[in-house]
């Protein structure tokens, strides 16, 4: 895989295609999946998988998919806002949730080194860059976890009630 493009703001670090995303501990389990019924979540995630052609939205792998929520953080207002969704393969999903991946690895349920190798392959980077990125992600997580966040899901809850694609254009096209 070719090296990823460089960030125009800081030419010293490449822009990563696959990043670690840790939500503050005060927000654990506060997500759309927990706020709607299983049937609505299943309908919504199937729409996301279809939008990505039933492939991983980062590495392109096919097979089992995970509907991953994408969040933004307003540090000043302490608002964690749902911005959209992406279809992820198991390994990309484990990178996003590297803390949980570490716990699962310690229980013998996951090969942590496979997750690290995947991060390096997708990003065309070294173990050193992975470790720097992981360290920074955990620093941000620790800082954010010291505060309570308002979790905002916006209009996404309504998406689960939408008619199938062939009857009505989905709001998923907007993100």
C-alpha atoms as a PDB file:
ATOM      1  CA  UNK A   1       0.000   0.000   0.000  1.00  0.00           C
ATOM      2  CA  UNK A   2       1.319   3.467  -0.851  1.00  0.00           C
ATOM      3  CA  UNK A   3       2.065   5.966   1.855  1.00  0.00           C
ATOM      4  CA  UNK A   4      -1.012   7.947   2.909  1.00  0.00           C
ATOM      5  CA  UNK A   5      -1.223  11.610   1.860  1.00  0.00           C
ATOM      6  CA  UNK A   6       0.292  14.192   4.147  1.00  0.00           C
ATOM      7  CA  UNK A   7      -1.838  16.522   6.214  1.00  0.00           C
ATOM      8  CA  UNK A   8      -1.651  20.005   4.705  1.00  0.00           C
ATOM      9  CA  UNK A   9      -1.605  21.577   8.192  1.00  0.00           C
ATOM     10  CA  UNK A  10       1.456  19.680   9.395  1.00  0.00           C
ATOM     11  CA  UNK A  11       3.593  18.016   6.738  1.00  0.00           C
ATOM     12  CA  UNK A  12       5.458  16.082   9.394  1.00  0.00           C
ATOM     13  CA  UNK A  13       2.703  13.508  10.043  1.00  0.00           C
ATOM     14  CA  UNK A  14       0.717  11.523   7.510  1.00  0.00           C
ATOM     15  CA  UNK A  15      -3.057  11.630   7.577  1.00  0.00           C
ATOM     16  CA  UNK A  16      -4.249   8.254   8.793  1.00  0.00           C
ATOM     17  CA  UNK A  17      -6.973   6.394   6.944  1.00  0.00           C
ATOM     18  CA  UNK A  18      -7.696   4.238   9.998  1.00  0.00           C
ATOM     19  CA  UNK A  19      -7.621   5.933  13.391  1.00  0.00           C
ATOM     20  CA  UNK A  20      -8.271   4.928  16.982  1.00  0.00           C
ATOM     21  CA  UNK A  21     -11.464   6.524  18.318  1.00  0.00           C
ATOM     22  CA  UNK A  22     -12.083   6.269  22.043  1.00  0.00           C
ATOM     23  CA  UNK A  23     -15.281   7.699  23.496  1.00  0.00           C
ATOM     24  CA  UNK A  24     -15.117   9.157  27.023  1.00  0.00           C
ATOM     25  CA  UNK A  25     -15.873   6.631  29.755  1.00  0.00           C
ATOM     26  CA  UNK A  26     -18.778   8.833  30.910  1.00  0.00           C
ATOM     27  CA  UNK A  27     -20.395   8.183  27.498  1.00  0.00           C
ATOM     28  CA  UNK A  28     -19.881   4.428  27.314  1.00  0.00           C
ATOM     29  CA  UNK A  29     -23.079   2.701  26.182  1.00  0.00           C
ATOM     30  CA  UNK A  30     -24.747   6.036  25.411  1.00  0.00           C
ATOM     31  CA  UNK A  31     -25.208   5.533  21.711  1.00  0.00           C
ATOM     32  CA  UNK A  32     -27.997   5.275  19.197  1.00  0.00           C
ATOM     33  CA  UNK A  33     -27.967   1.477  19.245  1.00  0.00           C
ATOM     34  CA  UNK A  34     -28.930   1.546  22.927  1.00  0.00           C
ATOM     35  CA  UNK A  35     -31.628   4.201  22.417  1.00  0.00           C
ATOM     36  CA  UNK A  36     -33.675   2.400  19.759  1.00  0.00           C
ATOM     37  CA  UNK A  37     -35.190  -1.052  19.433  1.00  0.00           C
ATOM     38  CA  UNK A  38     -33.201  -3.952  18.025  1.00  0.00           C
ATOM     39  CA  UNK A  39     -35.479  -3.990  14.973  1.00  0.00           C
ATOM     40  CA  UNK A  40     -34.831  -0.301  14.254  1.00  0.00           C
ATOM     41  CA  UNK A  41     -31.087  -0.726  14.756  1.00  0.00           C
ATOM     42  CA  UNK A  42     -31.044  -3.723  12.427  1.00  0.00           C
ATOM     43  CA  UNK A  43     -32.913  -1.737   9.758  1.00  0.00           C
ATOM     44  CA  UNK A  44     -30.503   1.190  10.135  1.00  0.00           C
ATOM     45  CA  UNK A  45     -27.330  -0.893  10.045  1.00  0.00           C
ATOM     46  CA  UNK A  46     -28.527  -2.748   6.938  1.00  0.00           C
ATOM     47  CA  UNK A  47     -28.896   0.644   5.236  1.00  0.00           C
ATOM     48  CA  UNK A  48     -25.343   1.529   6.237  1.00  0.00           C
ATOM     49  CA  UNK A  49     -23.980  -1.780   4.929  1.00  0.00           C
ATOM     50  CA  UNK A  50     -25.796  -1.240   1.624  1.00  0.00           C
ATOM     51  CA  UNK A  51     -24.430   2.306   1.335  1.00  0.00           C
ATOM     52  CA  UNK A  52     -20.895   0.862   1.552  1.00  0.00           C
ATOM     53  CA  UNK A  53     -21.624  -1.990  -0.838  1.00  0.00           C
ATOM     54  CA  UNK A  54     -21.423  -4.513   2.016  1.00  0.00           C
ATOM     55  CA  UNK A  55     -17.696  -3.789   2.374  1.00  0.00           C
ATOM     56  CA  UNK A  56     -15.534  -2.080   4.964  1.00  0.00           C
ATOM     57  CA  UNK A  57     -15.621   1.677   4.458  1.00  0.00           C
ATOM     58  CA  UNK A  58     -11.917   1.926   5.306  1.00  0.00           C
ATOM     59  CA  UNK A  59     -10.012  -1.096   4.019  1.00  0.00           C
ATOM     60  CA  UNK A  60     -12.574  -2.460   1.541  1.00  0.00           C
ATOM     61  CA  UNK A  61     -12.744  -5.957   3.063  1.00  0.00           C
ATOM     62  CA  UNK A  62     -15.931  -7.915   2.584  1.00  0.00           C
ATOM     63  CA  UNK A  63     -17.478 -10.339   5.027  1.00  0.00           C
ATOM     64  CA  UNK A  64     -18.897  -9.654   8.476  1.00  0.00           C
ATOM     65  CA  UNK A  65     -19.586  -5.955   8.987  1.00  0.00           C
ATOM     66  CA  UNK A  66     -20.055  -3.666  11.986  1.00  0.00           C
ATOM     67  CA  UNK A  67     -22.074  -0.453  11.931  1.00  0.00           C
ATOM     68  CA  UNK A  68     -19.760   2.040  13.619  1.00  0.00           C
ATOM     69  CA  UNK A  69     -21.041   5.373  14.902  1.00  0.00           C
ATOM     70  CA  UNK A  70     -18.986   8.464  13.995  1.00  0.00           C
ATOM     71  CA  UNK A  71     -18.817  11.137  16.696  1.00  0.00           C
ATOM     72  CA  UNK A  72     -17.610  14.730  16.925  1.00  0.00           C
ATOM     73  CA  UNK A  73     -16.655  16.438  20.177  1.00  0.00           C
ATOM     74  CA  UNK A  74     -17.226  20.080  21.071  1.00  0.00           C
ATOM     75  CA  UNK A  75     -14.647  20.433  23.832  1.00  0.00           C
ATOM     76  CA  UNK A  76     -15.953  23.816  25.030  1.00  0.00           C
ATOM     77  CA  UNK A  77     -19.612  22.863  25.289  1.00  0.00           C
ATOM     78  CA  UNK A  78     -18.887  19.225  26.237  1.00  0.00           C
ATOM     79  CA  UNK A  79     -21.186  17.910  23.523  1.00  0.00           C
ATOM     80  CA  UNK A  80     -20.567  14.552  21.882  1.00  0.00           C
ATOM     81  CA  UNK A  81     -22.572  14.556  18.654  1.00  0.00           C
ATOM     82  CA  UNK A  82     -23.406  11.646  16.379  1.00  0.00           C
ATOM     83  CA  UNK A  83     -22.331  12.640  12.866  1.00  0.00           C
ATOM     84  CA  UNK A  84     -23.039   9.459  10.933  1.00  0.00           C
ATOM     85  CA  UNK A  85     -22.112   5.837  10.428  1.00  0.00           C
ATOM     86  CA  UNK A  86     -19.586   3.708   8.605  1.00  0.00           C
ATOM     87  CA  UNK A  87     -19.493   0.018   7.756  1.00  0.00           C
ATOM     88  CA  UNK A  88     -16.337  -1.581   9.211  1.00  0.00           C
ATOM     89  CA  UNK A  89     -14.782  -5.026   9.048  1.00  0.00           C
ATOM     90  CA  UNK A  90     -14.029  -6.685  12.378  1.00  0.00           C
ATOM     91  CA  UNK A  91     -10.356  -5.723  12.360  1.00  0.00           C
ATOM     92  CA  UNK A  92     -10.912  -2.038  11.505  1.00  0.00           C
ATOM     93  CA  UNK A  93     -13.616  -1.987  14.192  1.00  0.00           C
ATOM     94  CA  UNK A  94     -11.150  -3.430  16.706  1.00  0.00           C
ATOM     95  CA  UNK A  95      -8.676  -0.649  15.843  1.00  0.00           C
ATOM     96  CA  UNK A  96     -11.360   1.978  16.468  1.00  0.00           C
ATOM     97  CA  UNK A  97     -12.025   0.390  19.875  1.00  0.00           C
ATOM     98  CA  UNK A  98      -8.404  -0.472  20.706  1.00  0.00           C
ATOM     99  CA  UNK A  99      -9.056  -0.321  24.464  1.00  0.00           C
ATOM    100  CA  UNK A 100     -11.691  -3.026  24.234  1.00  0.00           C
ATOM    101  CA  UNK A 101      -9.440  -4.933  21.819  1.00  0.00           C
ATOM    102  CA  UNK A 102      -6.714  -4.929  24.487  1.00  0.00           C
ATOM    103  CA  UNK A 103      -9.116  -6.312  27.067  1.00  0.00           C
ATOM    104  CA  UNK A 104     -10.332  -9.007  24.668  1.00  0.00           C
ATOM    105  CA  UNK A 105      -6.717  -9.919  23.844  1.00  0.00           C
ATOM    106  CA  UNK A 106      -5.891 -10.276  27.549  1.00  0.00           C
ATOM    107  CA  UNK A 107      -8.821 -12.727  27.806  1.00  0.00           C
ATOM    108  CA  UNK A 108      -7.523 -14.729  24.823  1.00  0.00           C
ATOM    109  CA  UNK A 109     -10.453 -13.694  22.609  1.00  0.00           C
ATOM    110  CA  UNK A 110      -8.478 -11.607  20.122  1.00  0.00           C
ATOM    111  CA  UNK A 111      -5.027 -11.406  18.540  1.00  0.00           C
ATOM    112  CA  UNK A 112      -3.903  -7.876  19.431  1.00  0.00           C
ATOM    113  CA  UNK A 113      -0.888  -8.066  17.122  1.00  0.00           C
ATOM    114  CA  UNK A 114      -3.219  -8.784  14.187  1.00  0.00           C
ATOM    115  CA  UNK A 115      -5.059  -5.550  15.005  1.00  0.00           C
ATOM    116  CA  UNK A 116      -1.780  -3.600  15.145  1.00  0.00           C
ATOM    117  CA  UNK A 117      -0.564  -5.136  11.853  1.00  0.00           C
ATOM    118  CA  UNK A 118      -3.858  -4.187  10.214  1.00  0.00           C
ATOM    119  CA  UNK A 119      -3.518  -0.562  11.391  1.00  0.00           C
ATOM    120  CA  UNK A 120       0.028  -0.434   9.982  1.00  0.00           C
ATOM    121  CA  UNK A 121      -0.988  -2.023   6.661  1.00  0.00           C
ATOM    122  CA  UNK A 122      -4.015   0.214   6.081  1.00  0.00           C
ATOM    123  CA  UNK A 123      -2.044   3.346   6.995  1.00  0.00           C
ATOM    124  CA  UNK A 124       1.221   2.264   5.334  1.00  0.00           C
ATOM    125  CA  UNK A 125       3.058   3.108   8.540  1.00  0.00           C
ATOM    126  CA  UNK A 126       5.476   1.779  11.129  1.00  0.00           C
ATOM    127  CA  UNK A 127       4.890   0.308  14.577  1.00  0.00           C
ATOM    128  CA  UNK A 128       6.372   3.516  15.979  1.00  0.00           C
ATOM    129  CA  UNK A 129       3.652   5.622  14.330  1.00  0.00           C
ATOM    130  CA  UNK A 130       0.993   3.205  15.619  1.00  0.00           C
ATOM    131  CA  UNK A 131       2.355   3.539  19.172  1.00  0.00           C
ATOM    132  CA  UNK A 132       2.442   7.347  18.905  1.00  0.00           C
ATOM    133  CA  UNK A 133      -1.143   7.417  17.618  1.00  0.00           C
ATOM    134  CA  UNK A 134      -2.329   4.982  20.318  1.00  0.00           C
ATOM    135  CA  UNK A 135      -0.643   7.017  23.051  1.00  0.00           C
ATOM    136  CA  UNK A 136      -2.218  10.262  21.794  1.00  0.00           C
ATOM    137  CA  UNK A 137      -5.668   8.614  21.526  1.00  0.00           C
ATOM    138  CA  UNK A 138      -5.465   7.469  25.152  1.00  0.00           C
ATOM    139  CA  UNK A 139      -4.295  10.924  26.292  1.00  0.00           C
ATOM    140  CA  UNK A 140      -7.363  12.479  24.651  1.00  0.00           C
ATOM    141  CA  UNK A 141      -9.577   9.762  26.148  1.00  0.00           C
ATOM    142  CA  UNK A 142      -8.227  10.390  29.672  1.00  0.00           C
ATOM    143  CA  UNK A 143      -8.793  14.135  29.327  1.00  0.00           C
ATOM    144  CA  UNK A 144     -12.324  13.707  27.973  1.00  0.00           C
ATOM    145  CA  UNK A 145     -13.197  11.020  30.531  1.00  0.00           C
ATOM    146  CA  UNK A 146     -12.656  13.492  33.377  1.00  0.00           C
ATOM    147  CA  UNK A 147     -15.766  15.374  32.254  1.00  0.00           C
ATOM    148  CA  UNK A 148     -19.422  14.546  31.656  1.00  0.00           C
ATOM    149  CA  UNK A 149     -20.534  14.848  28.029  1.00  0.00           C
ATOM    150  CA  UNK A 150     -23.984  15.572  26.646  1.00  0.00           C
ATOM    151  CA  UNK A 151     -24.585  12.872  24.029  1.00  0.00           C
ATOM    152  CA  UNK A 152     -26.601  14.145  21.068  1.00  0.00           C
ATOM    153  CA  UNK A 153     -27.897  11.744  18.403  1.00  0.00           C
ATOM    154  CA  UNK A 154     -29.901  14.343  16.470  1.00  0.00           C
ATOM    155  CA  UNK A 155     -32.208  13.186  13.678  1.00  0.00           C
ATOM    156  CA  UNK A 156     -30.491   9.828  13.267  1.00  0.00           C
ATOM    157  CA  UNK A 157     -33.060   8.137  15.505  1.00  0.00           C
ATOM    158  CA  UNK A 158     -35.706   8.985  12.888  1.00  0.00           C
ATOM    159  CA  UNK A 159     -33.650   7.272  10.173  1.00  0.00           C
ATOM    160  CA  UNK A 160     -34.522   3.885  11.603  1.00  0.00           C
ATOM    161  CA  UNK A 161     -38.191   4.604  10.889  1.00  0.00           C
ATOM    162  CA  UNK A 162     -37.624   5.477   7.223  1.00  0.00           C
ATOM    163  CA  UNK A 163     -39.131   3.426   4.444  1.00  0.00           C
ATOM    164  CA  UNK A 164     -36.828   1.160   2.421  1.00  0.00           C
ATOM    165  CA  UNK A 165     -34.515   2.759  -0.161  1.00  0.00           C
ATOM    166  CA  UNK A 166     -36.743   1.892  -3.133  1.00  0.00           C
ATOM    167  CA  UNK A 167     -39.667   3.821  -1.598  1.00  0.00           C
ATOM    168  CA  UNK A 168     -37.877   6.898  -0.281  1.00  0.00           C
ATOM    169  CA  UNK A 169     -34.362   8.365  -0.512  1.00  0.00           C
ATOM    170  CA  UNK A 170     -32.502   7.806   2.748  1.00  0.00           C
ATOM    171  CA  UNK A 171     -30.922  10.519   4.882  1.00  0.00           C
ATOM    172  CA  UNK A 172     -27.866   8.282   4.918  1.00  0.00           C
ATOM    173  CA  UNK A 173     -26.953   9.851   1.581  1.00  0.00           C
ATOM    174  CA  UNK A 174     -26.321  13.082   3.460  1.00  0.00           C
ATOM    175  CA  UNK A 175     -23.320  11.894   5.448  1.00  0.00           C
END
